[in-house]
Amino acid sequence: MIKFLDSLSFACGAAGFLTAAVILFFQIVQWLKLGAWIPATVWDAFVHFGWDYPFVTWLGVQKVIDFIMESSLGITSIIIGVIAAFFLNKLAREAESEDAGKRLNQ
């Protein structure tokens, strides 16, 4: 279980960086073809997948959502990957300490 969580943690972090690299590569190719930089935002990904814009009644939460939707897709994918990797790594460390505690009690 611990090795699986470690591997999953690494995969999430790597996937975030790989996704950002692919997005950047796509933007560079578009820039070379068109001569203009095409920004890729989180909202562009929502449109691509046919998802609706999220609306909430709390004004502060809506401002946070608006900020995220206007953010760079590459940077957001890195942040999501790093956060997921951090939490999975933390789960692996907790499972490791529980496993070590069980071995000491035997």
Protein backbone atom coordinates (compact mmCIF):
# COMPACT_ATOMS: atom_id res chain seq x y z
CA MET A 1 0.00 0.00 0.00
CA ILE A 2 2.82 2.39 0.88
CA LYS A 3 4.69 1.79 -2.37
CA PHE A 4 1.45 2.24 -4.29
CA LEU A 5 0.77 5.60 -2.61
CA ASP A 6 4.38 6.68 -3.22
CA SER A 7 4.08 5.74 -6.89
CA LEU A 8 0.71 7.45 -7.20
CA SER A 9 2.12 10.55 -5.52
CA PHE A 10 4.98 10.71 -8.01
CA ALA A 11 2.62 10.04 -10.93
CA CYS A 12 0.33 12.93 -9.92
CA GLY A 13 3.22 15.36 -9.68
CA ALA A 14 4.72 14.16 -12.95
CA ALA A 15 1.33 14.31 -14.68
CA GLY A 16 0.92 17.95 -13.64
CA PHE A 17 4.31 18.90 -15.08
CA LEU A 18 3.83 16.77 -18.21
CA THR A 19 0.43 18.33 -18.86
CA ALA A 20 1.94 21.80 -18.50
CA ALA A 21 4.74 20.88 -20.93
CA VAL A 22 2.24 19.60 -23.51
CA ILE A 23 0.16 22.78 -23.17
CA LEU A 24 3.27 24.95 -23.55
CA PHE A 25 4.36 22.92 -26.59
CA PHE A 26 0.90 23.40 -28.15
CA GLN A 27 1.09 27.15 -27.50
CA ILE A 28 4.57 27.37 -29.05
CA VAL A 29 3.42 25.49 -32.17
CA GLN A 30 0.44 27.85 -32.48
CA TRP A 31 2.74 30.85 -32.05
CA LEU A 32 5.08 29.55 -34.76
CA LYS A 33 2.14 28.96 -37.14
CA LEU A 34 0.12 32.10 -36.44
CA GLY A 35 2.72 34.54 -35.15
CA ALA A 36 0.53 35.31 -32.11
CA TRP A 37 0.51 33.82 -28.63
CA ILE A 38 -2.73 31.97 -27.89
CA PRO A 39 -3.34 31.88 -24.13
CA ALA A 40 -4.72 28.66 -22.68
CA THR A 41 -6.89 29.20 -19.61
CA VAL A 42 -8.82 26.86 -17.37
CA TRP A 43 -12.00 28.25 -18.95
CA ASP A 44 -10.70 27.17 -22.39
CA ALA A 45 -10.40 23.61 -21.07
CA PHE A 46 -13.97 23.78 -19.73
CA VAL A 47 -15.22 24.93 -23.15
CA HIS A 48 -13.23 22.19 -24.89
CA PHE A 49 -14.80 19.49 -22.74
CA GLY A 50 -18.29 21.03 -22.92
CA TRP A 51 -18.51 21.78 -19.21
CA ASP A 52 -20.59 24.69 -17.91
CA TYR A 53 -19.11 27.67 -16.11
CA PRO A 54 -19.49 27.12 -12.36
CA PHE A 55 -21.72 29.66 -10.62
CA VAL A 56 -22.32 29.92 -6.88
CA THR A 57 -24.38 32.32 -4.77
CA TRP A 58 -21.53 33.29 -2.43
CA LEU A 59 -19.83 36.33 -3.96
CA GLY A 60 -16.38 35.69 -2.44
CA VAL A 61 -16.35 32.07 -3.63
CA GLN A 62 -17.47 33.23 -7.09
CA LYS A 63 -14.52 35.64 -7.23
CA VAL A 64 -12.15 32.77 -6.43
CA ILE A 65 -13.78 30.63 -9.15
CA ASP A 66 -13.51 33.50 -11.65
CA PHE A 67 -9.82 33.95 -10.81
CA ILE A 68 -9.14 30.22 -11.28
CA MET A 69 -11.09 30.09 -14.55
CA GLU A 70 -8.99 32.97 -15.94
CA SER A 71 -5.70 31.42 -14.78
CA SER A 72 -3.17 29.76 -17.05
CA LEU A 73 -4.04 26.13 -17.69
CA GLY A 74 -0.39 25.04 -17.54
CA ILE A 75 0.29 26.66 -14.18
CA THR A 76 -3.00 25.38 -12.79
CA SER A 77 -2.18 21.82 -13.88
CA ILE A 78 1.19 22.03 -12.11
CA ILE A 79 -0.45 23.34 -8.93
CA ILE A 80 -3.11 20.60 -8.96
CA GLY A 81 -0.47 17.93 -9.59
CA VAL A 82 1.76 19.18 -6.77
CA ILE A 83 -1.17 19.42 -4.32
CA ALA A 84 -2.33 15.89 -5.19
CA ALA A 85 1.24 14.58 -4.89
CA PHE A 86 1.66 16.28 -1.50
CA PHE A 87 -1.52 14.77 -0.04
CA LEU A 88 -0.82 11.30 -1.42
CA ASN A 89 2.73 11.46 -0.07
CA LYS A 90 1.35 12.48 3.33
CA LEU A 91 -1.03 9.49 3.24
CA ALA A 92 1.89 7.22 2.40
CA ARG A 93 3.93 8.56 5.32
CA GLU A 94 1.00 8.07 7.71
CA ALA A 95 0.47 4.52 6.45
CA GLU A 96 4.19 3.89 6.84
CA SER A 97 4.21 5.12 10.45
CA GLU A 98 1.11 3.03 11.26
CA ASP A 99 2.79 -0.01 9.70
CA ALA A 100 5.96 0.61 11.71
CA GLY A 101 3.88 0.96 14.89
CA LYS A 102 2.14 -2.35 14.24
CA ARG A 103 5.48 -4.09 13.71
CA LEU A 104 6.80 -2.72 17.00
CA ASN A 105 3.75 -4.01 18.89
CA GLN A 106 4.18 -7.55 17.61
